[in-house]
PDB file of N, CA and C in Angstrom:
ATOM      1  N   UNK A   1      24.062 -73.150 -46.793  1.00  0.00           N
ATOM      2  CA  UNK A   1      24.194 -71.764 -47.129  1.00  0.00           C
ATOM      3  C   UNK A   1      23.470 -71.622 -48.413  1.00  0.00           C
ATOM      4  N   UNK A   2      22.667 -70.269 -48.172  1.00  0.00           N
ATOM      5  CA  UNK A   2      21.770 -69.865 -49.170  1.00  0.00           C
ATOM      6  C   UNK A   2      22.780 -68.852 -50.119  1.00  0.00           C
ATOM      7  N   UNK A   3      22.855 -69.041 -51.437  1.00  0.00           N
ATOM      8  CA  UNK A   3      23.685 -68.068 -52.380  1.00  0.00           C
ATOM      9  C   UNK A   3      22.691 -67.040 -52.503  1.00  0.00           C
ATOM     10  N   UNK A   4      22.960 -65.717 -52.532  1.00  0.00           N
ATOM     11  CA  UNK A   4      22.338 -64.905 -52.785  1.00  0.00           C
ATOM     12  C   UNK A   4      23.420 -63.574 -53.847  1.00  0.00           C
ATOM     13  N   UNK A   5      22.713 -63.488 -54.977  1.00  0.00           N
ATOM     14  CA  UNK A   5      23.785 -62.563 -55.869  1.00  0.00           C
ATOM     15  C   UNK A   5      23.794 -61.125 -55.355  1.00  0.00           C
ATOM     16  N   UNK A   6      24.329 -60.496 -55.790  1.00  0.00           N
ATOM     17  CA  UNK A   6      24.417 -58.834 -55.270  1.00  0.00           C
ATOM     18  C   UNK A   6      23.154 -58.330 -56.217  1.00  0.00           C
ATOM     19  N   UNK A   7      22.745 -58.771 -57.118  1.00  0.00           N
ATOM     20  CA  UNK A   7      21.459 -58.354 -57.801  1.00  0.00           C
ATOM     21  C   UNK A   7      20.282 -58.757 -57.475  1.00  0.00           C
ATOM     22  N   UNK A   8      20.200 -59.506 -56.682  1.00  0.00           N
ATOM     23  CA  UNK A   8      19.128 -60.279 -55.812  1.00  0.00           C
ATOM     24  C   UNK A   8      18.955 -60.047 -54.468  1.00  0.00           C
ATOM     25  N   UNK A   9      19.184 -58.950 -54.245  1.00  0.00           N
ATOM     26  CA  UNK A   9      19.440 -58.538 -53.075  1.00  0.00           C
ATOM     27  C   UNK A   9      17.991 -58.390 -52.347  1.00  0.00           C
ATOM     28  N   UNK A  10      17.017 -58.402 -53.114  1.00  0.00           N
ATOM     29  CA  UNK A  10      15.745 -58.293 -52.691  1.00  0.00           C
ATOM     30  C   UNK A  10      15.222 -59.596 -52.033  1.00  0.00           C
ATOM     31  N   UNK A  11      14.731 -60.025 -50.867  1.00  0.00           N
ATOM     32  CA  UNK A  11      14.933 -61.277 -50.589  1.00  0.00           C
ATOM     33  C   UNK A  11      13.316 -61.655 -50.103  1.00  0.00           C
ATOM     34  N   UNK A  12      12.590 -61.443 -50.919  1.00  0.00           N
ATOM     35  CA  UNK A  12      11.015 -61.799 -50.770  1.00  0.00           C
ATOM     36  C   UNK A  12      10.944 -63.151 -51.175  1.00  0.00           C
ATOM     37  N   UNK A  13      11.397 -63.555 -52.137  1.00  0.00           N
ATOM     38  CA  UNK A  13      11.512 -65.030 -52.891  1.00  0.00           C
ATOM     39  C   UNK A  13      12.446 -65.987 -52.123  1.00  0.00           C
ATOM     40  N   UNK A  14      13.182 -65.620 -51.376  1.00  0.00           N
ATOM     41  CA  UNK A  14      14.412 -66.256 -51.233  1.00  0.00           C
ATOM     42  C   UNK A  14      13.634 -67.253 -49.508  1.00  0.00           C
ATOM     43  N   UNK A  15      12.749 -66.741 -49.060  1.00  0.00           N
ATOM     44  CA  UNK A  15      12.370 -67.690 -47.770  1.00  0.00           C
ATOM     45  C   UNK A  15      10.789 -68.354 -47.874  1.00  0.00           C
ATOM     46  N   UNK A  16      10.971 -69.466 -47.915  1.00  0.00           N
ATOM     47  CA  UNK A  16       9.837 -70.183 -47.845  1.00  0.00           C
ATOM     48  C   UNK A  16       9.212 -70.732 -46.887  1.00  0.00           C
ATOM     49  N   UNK A  17       9.665 -70.064 -45.693  1.00  0.00           N
ATOM     50  CA  UNK A  17       9.318 -70.163 -44.180  1.00  0.00           C
ATOM     51  C   UNK A  17      10.264 -68.922 -43.419  1.00  0.00           C
ATOM     52  N   UNK A  18       9.710 -68.781 -42.469  1.00  0.00           N
ATOM     53  CA  UNK A  18      10.243 -67.973 -41.602  1.00  0.00           C
ATOM     54  C   UNK A  18      11.441 -68.437 -40.990  1.00  0.00           C
ATOM     55  N   UNK A  19      12.850 -67.914 -40.842  1.00  0.00           N
ATOM     56  CA  UNK A  19      13.926 -68.530 -40.161  1.00  0.00           C
ATOM     57  C   UNK A  19      14.056 -68.938 -38.863  1.00  0.00           C
ATOM     58  N   UNK A  20      13.978 -69.906 -38.478  1.00  0.00           N
ATOM     59  CA  UNK A  20      13.858 -70.396 -36.949  1.00  0.00           C
ATOM     60  C   UNK A  20      15.539 -70.273 -36.206  1.00  0.00           C
ATOM     61  N   UNK A  21      16.096 -71.071 -36.822  1.00  0.00           N
ATOM     62  CA  UNK A  21      17.502 -71.506 -36.365  1.00  0.00           C
ATOM     63  C   UNK A  21      18.431 -70.386 -37.134  1.00  0.00           C
ATOM     64  N   UNK A  22      18.116 -69.567 -37.623  1.00  0.00           N
ATOM     65  CA  UNK A  22      19.350 -68.564 -38.351  1.00  0.00           C
ATOM     66  C   UNK A  22      19.713 -69.399 -39.769  1.00  0.00           C
ATOM     67  N   UNK A  23      20.237 -68.235 -40.616  1.00  0.00           N
ATOM     68  CA  UNK A  23      20.328 -68.799 -41.762  1.00  0.00           C
ATOM     69  C   UNK A  23      22.036 -68.274 -42.256  1.00  0.00           C
ATOM     70  N   UNK A  24      22.807 -69.061 -43.199  1.00  0.00           N
ATOM     71  CA  UNK A  24      23.782 -68.270 -43.395  1.00  0.00           C
ATOM     72  C   UNK A  24      23.267 -67.723 -44.907  1.00  0.00           C
ATOM     73  N   UNK A  25      23.851 -66.474 -44.776  1.00  0.00           N
ATOM     74  CA  UNK A  25      23.567 -65.478 -46.048  1.00  0.00           C
ATOM     75  C   UNK A  25      24.942 -65.061 -46.584  1.00  0.00           C
ATOM     76  N   UNK A  26      24.850 -65.308 -47.710  1.00  0.00           N
ATOM     77  CA  UNK A  26      26.487 -64.679 -48.631  1.00  0.00           C
ATOM     78  C   UNK A  26      25.806 -63.917 -49.562  1.00  0.00           C
ATOM     79  N   UNK A  27      26.792 -62.819 -50.009  1.00  0.00           N
ATOM     80  CA  UNK A  27      26.390 -61.820 -50.826  1.00  0.00           C
ATOM     81  C   UNK A  27      27.816 -62.422 -52.086  1.00  0.00           C
ATOM     82  N   UNK A  28      27.180 -62.610 -53.442  1.00  0.00           N
ATOM     83  CA  UNK A  28      28.219 -62.908 -54.442  1.00  0.00           C
ATOM     84  C   UNK A  28      28.540 -61.855 -55.190  1.00  0.00           C
ATOM     85  N   UNK A  29      29.567 -61.097 -55.226  1.00  0.00           N
ATOM     86  CA  UNK A  29      29.975 -60.013 -56.026  1.00  0.00           C
ATOM     87  C   UNK A  29      30.091 -60.345 -57.095  1.00  0.00           C
ATOM     88  N   UNK A  30      30.144 -59.649 -58.441  1.00  0.00           N
ATOM     89  CA  UNK A  30      29.942 -59.869 -59.758  1.00  0.00           C
ATOM     90  C   UNK A  30      31.529 -60.618 -60.054  1.00  0.00           C
ATOM     91  N   UNK A  31      32.389 -60.062 -59.368  1.00  0.00           N
ATOM     92  CA  UNK A  31      33.595 -60.728 -59.551  1.00  0.00           C
ATOM     93  C   UNK A  31      33.966 -61.195 -58.334  1.00  0.00           C
ATOM     94  N   UNK A  32      34.640 -62.327 -58.152  1.00  0.00           N
ATOM     95  CA  UNK A  32      35.559 -62.786 -56.758  1.00  0.00           C
ATOM     96  C   UNK A  32      34.424 -63.673 -56.144  1.00  0.00           C
ATOM     97  N   UNK A  33      34.655 -64.104 -55.028  1.00  0.00           N
ATOM     98  CA  UNK A  33      34.010 -65.256 -54.433  1.00  0.00           C
ATOM     99  C   UNK A  33      33.193 -64.668 -53.369  1.00  0.00           C
ATOM    100  N   UNK A  34      32.095 -65.527 -52.900  1.00  0.00           N
ATOM    101  CA  UNK A  34      30.902 -64.894 -51.835  1.00  0.00           C
ATOM    102  C   UNK A  34      31.950 -64.465 -50.535  1.00  0.00           C
ATOM    103  N   UNK A  35      31.218 -63.373 -50.026  1.00  0.00           N
ATOM    104  CA  UNK A  35      31.701 -62.775 -49.087  1.00  0.00           C
ATOM    105  C   UNK A  35      30.320 -62.719 -47.987  1.00  0.00           C
ATOM    106  N   UNK A  36      30.743 -62.656 -46.485  1.00  0.00           N
ATOM    107  CA  UNK A  36      29.457 -62.956 -45.618  1.00  0.00           C
ATOM    108  C   UNK A  36      28.954 -61.490 -45.506  1.00  0.00           C
ATOM    109  N   UNK A  37      27.630 -61.450 -45.703  1.00  0.00           N
ATOM    110  CA  UNK A  37      27.400 -60.244 -44.977  1.00  0.00           C
ATOM    111  C   UNK A  37      27.638 -60.026 -43.769  1.00  0.00           C
ATOM    112  N   UNK A  38      28.006 -58.635 -43.452  1.00  0.00           N
ATOM    113  CA  UNK A  38      28.685 -58.172 -42.165  1.00  0.00           C
ATOM    114  C   UNK A  38      27.641 -57.137 -41.808  1.00  0.00           C
ATOM    115  N   UNK A  39      26.679 -57.001 -41.785  1.00  0.00           N
ATOM    116  CA  UNK A  39      25.582 -56.092 -41.384  1.00  0.00           C
ATOM    117  C   UNK A  39      24.271 -56.524 -41.465  1.00  0.00           C
ATOM    118  N   UNK A  40      23.194 -55.958 -40.415  1.00  0.00           N
ATOM    119  CA  UNK A  40      21.903 -56.687 -40.309  1.00  0.00           C
ATOM    120  C   UNK A  40      21.152 -55.918 -41.463  1.00  0.00           C
ATOM    121  N   UNK A  41      19.894 -56.695 -42.063  1.00  0.00           N
ATOM    122  CA  UNK A  41      19.402 -56.280 -43.120  1.00  0.00           C
ATOM    123  C   UNK A  41      17.754 -56.329 -42.966  1.00  0.00           C
ATOM    124  N   UNK A  42      16.926 -55.707 -43.541  1.00  0.00           N
ATOM    125  CA  UNK A  42      15.238 -55.776 -43.355  1.00  0.00           C
ATOM    126  C   UNK A  42      14.861 -56.894 -44.599  1.00  0.00           C
ATOM    127  N   UNK A  43      14.286 -57.669 -44.407  1.00  0.00           N
ATOM    128  CA  UNK A  43      13.650 -58.482 -44.893  1.00  0.00           C
ATOM    129  C   UNK A  43      12.041 -58.238 -45.027  1.00  0.00           C
ATOM    130  N   UNK A  44      11.679 -58.175 -46.236  1.00  0.00           N
ATOM    131  CA  UNK A  44      10.016 -58.076 -46.769  1.00  0.00           C
ATOM    132  C   UNK A  44       9.760 -59.529 -47.475  1.00  0.00           C
ATOM    133  N   UNK A  45       9.432 -60.322 -46.832  1.00  0.00           N
ATOM    134  CA  UNK A  45       9.135 -61.396 -47.467  1.00  0.00           C
ATOM    135  C   UNK A  45       7.785 -62.291 -47.330  1.00  0.00           C
ATOM    136  N   UNK A  46       7.239 -63.153 -48.142  1.00  0.00           N
ATOM    137  CA  UNK A  46       6.038 -63.791 -48.000  1.00  0.00           C
ATOM    138  C   UNK A  46       5.530 -64.215 -46.821  1.00  0.00           C
ATOM    139  N   UNK A  47       6.566 -64.711 -45.985  1.00  0.00           N
ATOM    140  CA  UNK A  47       6.207 -65.553 -44.454  1.00  0.00           C
ATOM    141  C   UNK A  47       6.738 -64.881 -43.745  1.00  0.00           C
ATOM    142  N   UNK A  48       7.822 -64.067 -43.871  1.00  0.00           N
ATOM    143  CA  UNK A  48       8.357 -63.222 -42.844  1.00  0.00           C
ATOM    144  C   UNK A  48       8.940 -61.594 -43.363  1.00  0.00           C
ATOM    145  N   UNK A  49       8.813 -61.007 -42.111  1.00  0.00           N
ATOM    146  CA  UNK A  49       8.928 -59.529 -42.438  1.00  0.00           C
ATOM    147  C   UNK A  49       9.727 -58.973 -40.986  1.00  0.00           C
ATOM    148  N   UNK A  50      10.910 -58.484 -41.259  1.00  0.00           N
ATOM    149  CA  UNK A  50      11.635 -57.994 -40.064  1.00  0.00           C
ATOM    150  C   UNK A  50      13.493 -57.852 -40.483  1.00  0.00           C
ATOM    151  N   UNK A  51      13.586 -57.898 -39.244  1.00  0.00           N
ATOM    152  CA  UNK A  51      15.328 -57.397 -39.738  1.00  0.00           C
ATOM    153  C   UNK A  51      16.018 -58.881 -39.031  1.00  0.00           C
ATOM    154  N   UNK A  52      16.892 -59.037 -40.251  1.00  0.00           N
ATOM    155  CA  UNK A  52      17.977 -60.447 -39.840  1.00  0.00           C
ATOM    156  C   UNK A  52      19.428 -59.849 -39.281  1.00  0.00           C
ATOM    157  N   UNK A  53      19.721 -60.480 -38.121  1.00  0.00           N
ATOM    158  CA  UNK A  53      21.389 -59.544 -37.845  1.00  0.00           C
ATOM    159  C   UNK A  53      22.363 -60.561 -38.551  1.00  0.00           C
ATOM    160  N   UNK A  54      23.523 -59.981 -38.342  1.00  0.00           N
ATOM    161  CA  UNK A  54      25.009 -60.308 -38.951  1.00  0.00           C
ATOM    162  C   UNK A  54      25.185 -62.216 -38.878  1.00  0.00           C
ATOM    163  N   UNK A  55      24.488 -62.618 -37.707  1.00  0.00           N
ATOM    164  CA  UNK A  55      24.876 -64.041 -37.691  1.00  0.00           C
ATOM    165  C   UNK A  55      23.485 -64.996 -38.370  1.00  0.00           C
ATOM    166  N   UNK A  56      22.448 -64.089 -39.046  1.00  0.00           N
ATOM    167  CA  UNK A  56      21.478 -64.857 -39.818  1.00  0.00           C
ATOM    168  C   UNK A  56      20.314 -65.221 -38.737  1.00  0.00           C
ATOM    169  N   UNK A  57      20.313 -64.389 -37.383  1.00  0.00           N
ATOM    170  CA  UNK A  57      19.253 -64.754 -36.510  1.00  0.00           C
ATOM    171  C   UNK A  57      18.055 -63.592 -36.645  1.00  0.00           C
ATOM    172  N   UNK A  58      17.048 -63.821 -36.455  1.00  0.00           N
ATOM    173  CA  UNK A  58      15.702 -62.926 -36.247  1.00  0.00           C
ATOM    174  C   UNK A  58      16.221 -61.712 -35.117  1.00  0.00           C
ATOM    175  N   UNK A  59      16.561 -60.525 -35.387  1.00  0.00           N
ATOM    176  CA  UNK A  59      16.581 -59.613 -34.641  1.00  0.00           C
ATOM    177  C   UNK A  59      15.447 -58.804 -34.287  1.00  0.00           C
ATOM    178  N   UNK A  60      14.603 -58.524 -34.981  1.00  0.00           N
ATOM    179  CA  UNK A  60      13.209 -58.018 -35.017  1.00  0.00           C
ATOM    180  C   UNK A  60      12.274 -58.500 -35.906  1.00  0.00           C
ATOM    181  N   UNK A  61      10.921 -58.957 -35.576  1.00  0.00           N
ATOM    182  CA  UNK A  61      10.185 -59.325 -36.281  1.00  0.00           C
ATOM    183  C   UNK A  61       8.627 -58.477 -36.420  1.00  0.00           C
ATOM    184  N   UNK A  62       8.013 -58.420 -37.618  1.00  0.00           N
ATOM    185  CA  UNK A  62       6.856 -57.545 -37.382  1.00  0.00           C
ATOM    186  C   UNK A  62       5.794 -58.350 -37.071  1.00  0.00           C
ATOM    187  N   UNK A  63       4.731 -57.925 -37.300  1.00  0.00           N
ATOM    188  CA  UNK A  63       3.599 -58.527 -36.360  1.00  0.00           C
ATOM    189  C   UNK A  63       2.490 -59.401 -37.216  1.00  0.00           C
ATOM    190  N   UNK A  64       3.343 -59.206 -38.538  1.00  0.00           N
ATOM    191  CA  UNK A  64       2.757 -60.031 -39.835  1.00  0.00           C
ATOM    192  C   UNK A  64       3.754 -59.907 -40.845  1.00  0.00           C
ATOM    193  N   UNK A  65       3.663 -61.238 -41.566  1.00  0.00           N
ATOM    194  CA  UNK A  65       4.477 -60.938 -42.872  1.00  0.00           C
ATOM    195  C   UNK A  65       4.118 -60.487 -44.247  1.00  0.00           C
ATOM    196  N   UNK A  66       4.607 -60.564 -45.378  1.00  0.00           N
ATOM    197  CA  UNK A  66       3.986 -60.360 -46.372  1.00  0.00           C
ATOM    198  C   UNK A  66       3.793 -58.533 -46.815  1.00  0.00           C
ATOM    199  N   UNK A  67       4.992 -58.019 -46.420  1.00  0.00           N
ATOM    200  CA  UNK A  67       5.380 -56.443 -46.447  1.00  0.00           C
ATOM    201  C   UNK A  67       5.598 -56.267 -47.701  1.00  0.00           C
ATOM    202  N   UNK A  68       5.432 -54.922 -48.233  1.00  0.00           N
ATOM    203  CA  UNK A  68       5.944 -54.475 -49.706  1.00  0.00           C
ATOM    204  C   UNK A  68       7.383 -54.142 -49.729  1.00  0.00           C
ATOM    205  N   UNK A  69       7.648 -53.354 -48.584  1.00  0.00           N
ATOM    206  CA  UNK A  69       9.023 -52.698 -48.280  1.00  0.00           C
ATOM    207  C   UNK A  69       9.113 -52.421 -46.725  1.00  0.00           C
ATOM    208  N   UNK A  70      10.265 -51.852 -46.604  1.00  0.00           N
ATOM    209  CA  UNK A  70      10.344 -51.338 -44.759  1.00  0.00           C
ATOM    210  C   UNK A  70      11.545 -50.641 -44.833  1.00  0.00           C
ATOM    211  N   UNK A  71      11.848 -49.919 -43.911  1.00  0.00           N
ATOM    212  CA  UNK A  71      12.978 -49.166 -43.810  1.00  0.00           C
ATOM    213  C   UNK A  71      13.190 -49.131 -42.240  1.00  0.00           C
ATOM    214  N   UNK A  72      14.595 -49.039 -42.103  1.00  0.00           N
ATOM    215  CA  UNK A  72      14.780 -48.531 -40.289  1.00  0.00           C
ATOM    216  C   UNK A  72      15.323 -47.268 -40.535  1.00  0.00           C
ATOM    217  N   UNK A  73      14.656 -46.118 -39.715  1.00  0.00           N
ATOM    218  CA  UNK A  73      14.674 -44.886 -39.756  1.00  0.00           C
ATOM    219  C   UNK A  73      15.927 -44.137 -39.189  1.00  0.00           C
ATOM    220  N   UNK A  74      16.382 -43.207 -39.185  1.00  0.00           N
ATOM    221  CA  UNK A  74      17.567 -42.809 -38.530  1.00  0.00           C
ATOM    222  C   UNK A  74      17.336 -42.706 -37.306  1.00  0.00           C
ATOM    223  N   UNK A  75      16.095 -42.594 -36.857  1.00  0.00           N
ATOM    224  CA  UNK A  75      15.550 -42.323 -35.369  1.00  0.00           C
ATOM    225  C   UNK A  75      15.413 -43.722 -34.848  1.00  0.00           C
ATOM    226  N   UNK A  76      15.585 -44.693 -35.419  1.00  0.00           N
ATOM    227  CA  UNK A  76      15.718 -46.105 -35.190  1.00  0.00           C
ATOM    228  C   UNK A  76      14.351 -46.741 -35.223  1.00  0.00           C
ATOM    229  N   UNK A  77      13.397 -45.973 -35.403  1.00  0.00           N
ATOM    230  CA  UNK A  77      12.078 -46.621 -35.510  1.00  0.00           C
ATOM    231  C   UNK A  77      12.052 -47.585 -37.053  1.00  0.00           C
ATOM    232  N   UNK A  78      11.235 -48.131 -37.212  1.00  0.00           N
ATOM    233  CA  UNK A  78      10.757 -49.123 -38.268  1.00  0.00           C
ATOM    234  C   UNK A  78       9.594 -49.076 -39.136  1.00  0.00           C
ATOM    235  N   UNK A  79       9.548 -48.564 -40.464  1.00  0.00           N
ATOM    236  CA  UNK A  79       8.389 -48.033 -40.820  1.00  0.00           C
ATOM    237  C   UNK A  79       8.495 -49.283 -42.033  1.00  0.00           C
ATOM    238  N   UNK A  80       7.105 -49.698 -41.991  1.00  0.00           N
ATOM    239  CA  UNK A  80       6.883 -50.902 -43.050  1.00  0.00           C
ATOM    240  C   UNK A  80       5.706 -50.423 -44.178  1.00  0.00           C
ATOM    241  N   UNK A  81       5.717 -50.961 -45.212  1.00  0.00           N
ATOM    242  CA  UNK A  81       4.631 -50.816 -45.854  1.00  0.00           C
ATOM    243  C   UNK A  81       3.921 -52.167 -46.558  1.00  0.00           C
ATOM    244  N   UNK A  82       2.709 -52.487 -46.306  1.00  0.00           N
ATOM    245  CA  UNK A  82       1.913 -53.608 -46.528  1.00  0.00           C
ATOM    246  C   UNK A  82       1.107 -53.147 -47.656  1.00  0.00           C
ATOM    247  N   UNK A  83       0.676 -54.016 -48.688  1.00  0.00           N
ATOM    248  CA  UNK A  83      -0.487 -53.812 -49.717  1.00  0.00           C
ATOM    249  C   UNK A  83      -1.699 -52.367 -49.091  1.00  0.00           C
ATOM    250  N   UNK A  84      -1.937 -52.924 -48.070  1.00  0.00           N
ATOM    251  CA  UNK A  84      -3.271 -52.001 -47.687  1.00  0.00           C
ATOM    252  C   UNK A  84      -2.754 -50.924 -46.522  1.00  0.00           C
ATOM    253  N   UNK A  85      -1.568 -51.092 -46.232  1.00  0.00           N
ATOM    254  CA  UNK A  85      -1.619 -49.909 -44.913  1.00  0.00           C
ATOM    255  C   UNK A  85       0.176 -49.595 -44.709  1.00  0.00           C
ATOM    256  N   UNK A  86       0.547 -48.533 -44.036  1.00  0.00           N
ATOM    257  CA  UNK A  86       1.994 -48.336 -43.794  1.00  0.00           C
ATOM    258  C   UNK A  86       1.873 -48.094 -42.204  1.00  0.00           C
ATOM    259  N   UNK A  87       2.910 -48.491 -41.822  1.00  0.00           N
ATOM    260  CA  UNK A  87       2.968 -48.512 -40.212  1.00  0.00           C
ATOM    261  C   UNK A  87       4.373 -48.081 -39.734  1.00  0.00           C
ATOM    262  N   UNK A  88       4.380 -47.172 -38.794  1.00  0.00           N
ATOM    263  CA  UNK A  88       5.821 -47.049 -38.202  1.00  0.00           C
ATOM    264  C   UNK A  88       5.753 -47.785 -36.540  1.00  0.00           C
ATOM    265  N   UNK A  89       6.995 -48.365 -36.338  1.00  0.00           N
ATOM    266  CA  UNK A  89       6.891 -49.000 -35.119  1.00  0.00           C
ATOM    267  C   UNK A  89       7.784 -48.339 -34.391  1.00  0.00           C
ATOM    268  N   UNK A  90       7.719 -48.425 -32.638  1.00  0.00           N
ATOM    269  CA  UNK A  90       8.985 -48.299 -32.200  1.00  0.00           C
ATOM    270  C   UNK A  90       9.815 -49.578 -32.145  1.00  0.00           C
ATOM    271  N   UNK A  91      11.305 -49.112 -32.148  1.00  0.00           N
ATOM    272  CA  UNK A  91      12.044 -50.528 -32.522  1.00  0.00           C
ATOM    273  C   UNK A  91      12.111 -51.639 -31.234  1.00  0.00           C
ATOM    274  N   UNK A  92      12.211 -50.862 -29.879  1.00  0.00           N
ATOM    275  CA  UNK A  92      11.996 -51.701 -28.860  1.00  0.00           C
ATOM    276  C   UNK A  92      10.717 -52.520 -28.261  1.00  0.00           C
ATOM    277  N   UNK A  93       9.592 -51.203 -28.215  1.00  0.00           N
ATOM    278  CA  UNK A  93       8.544 -51.651 -27.959  1.00  0.00           C
ATOM    279  C   UNK A  93       7.559 -52.329 -28.935  1.00  0.00           C
ATOM    280  N   UNK A  94       7.551 -52.253 -30.024  1.00  0.00           N
ATOM    281  CA  UNK A  94       6.634 -52.409 -31.171  1.00  0.00           C
ATOM    282  C   UNK A  94       5.559 -51.817 -31.161  1.00  0.00           C
ATOM    283  N   UNK A  95       5.603 -50.720 -30.397  1.00  0.00           N
ATOM    284  CA  UNK A  95       4.273 -49.911 -30.511  1.00  0.00           C
ATOM    285  C   UNK A  95       4.218 -49.054 -31.603  1.00  0.00           C
ATOM    286  N   UNK A  96       2.878 -49.162 -32.171  1.00  0.00           N
ATOM    287  CA  UNK A  96       2.564 -48.309 -33.508  1.00  0.00           C
ATOM    288  C   UNK A  96       2.496 -47.024 -33.174  1.00  0.00           C
ATOM    289  N   UNK A  97       3.283 -46.171 -33.738  1.00  0.00           N
ATOM    290  CA  UNK A  97       3.113 -44.853 -33.405  1.00  0.00           C
ATOM    291  C   UNK A  97       2.736 -43.921 -34.634  1.00  0.00           C
ATOM    292  N   UNK A  98       2.511 -44.636 -35.932  1.00  0.00           N
ATOM    293  CA  UNK A  98       2.330 -43.727 -36.619  1.00  0.00           C
ATOM    294  C   UNK A  98       1.510 -44.668 -38.071  1.00  0.00           C
ATOM    295  N   UNK A  99       0.188 -44.480 -38.688  1.00  0.00           N
ATOM    296  CA  UNK A  99      -0.488 -45.235 -39.326  1.00  0.00           C
ATOM    297  C   UNK A  99      -1.056 -44.779 -40.733  1.00  0.00           C
ATOM    298  N   UNK A 100      -0.629 -45.097 -41.740  1.00  0.00           N
ATOM    299  CA  UNK A 100      -1.239 -44.566 -42.896  1.00  0.00           C
ATOM    300  C   UNK A 100      -2.279 -45.972 -43.753  1.00  0.00           C
ATOM    301  N   UNK A 101      -3.736 -45.865 -43.813  1.00  0.00           N
ATOM    302  CA  UNK A 101      -4.282 -46.784 -44.510  1.00  0.00           C
ATOM    303  C   UNK A 101      -5.443 -47.473 -43.569  1.00  0.00           C
TER     304      UNK A 101
END
């Protein structure tokens, strides 16, 4: 189990390698015991950039790691910022539909 405090939800430093078999992630509220994460979330890590689902499995992976930040947009597309460019992807096809940089 990988403990993560609510104040350390930026997971860039938590991944030493890309999750392959899934991981158990817990949020530790400031008061009370750890609770399992009950939603998917975006990870911008040094060796993995993508979306992890509720079971800790890779749901969507960017074509390269090391992103600075990223978001799932209201239309379902994924926008990711690296140090030298920003790309918007279609979620299902991974097609790049917008680029800056």
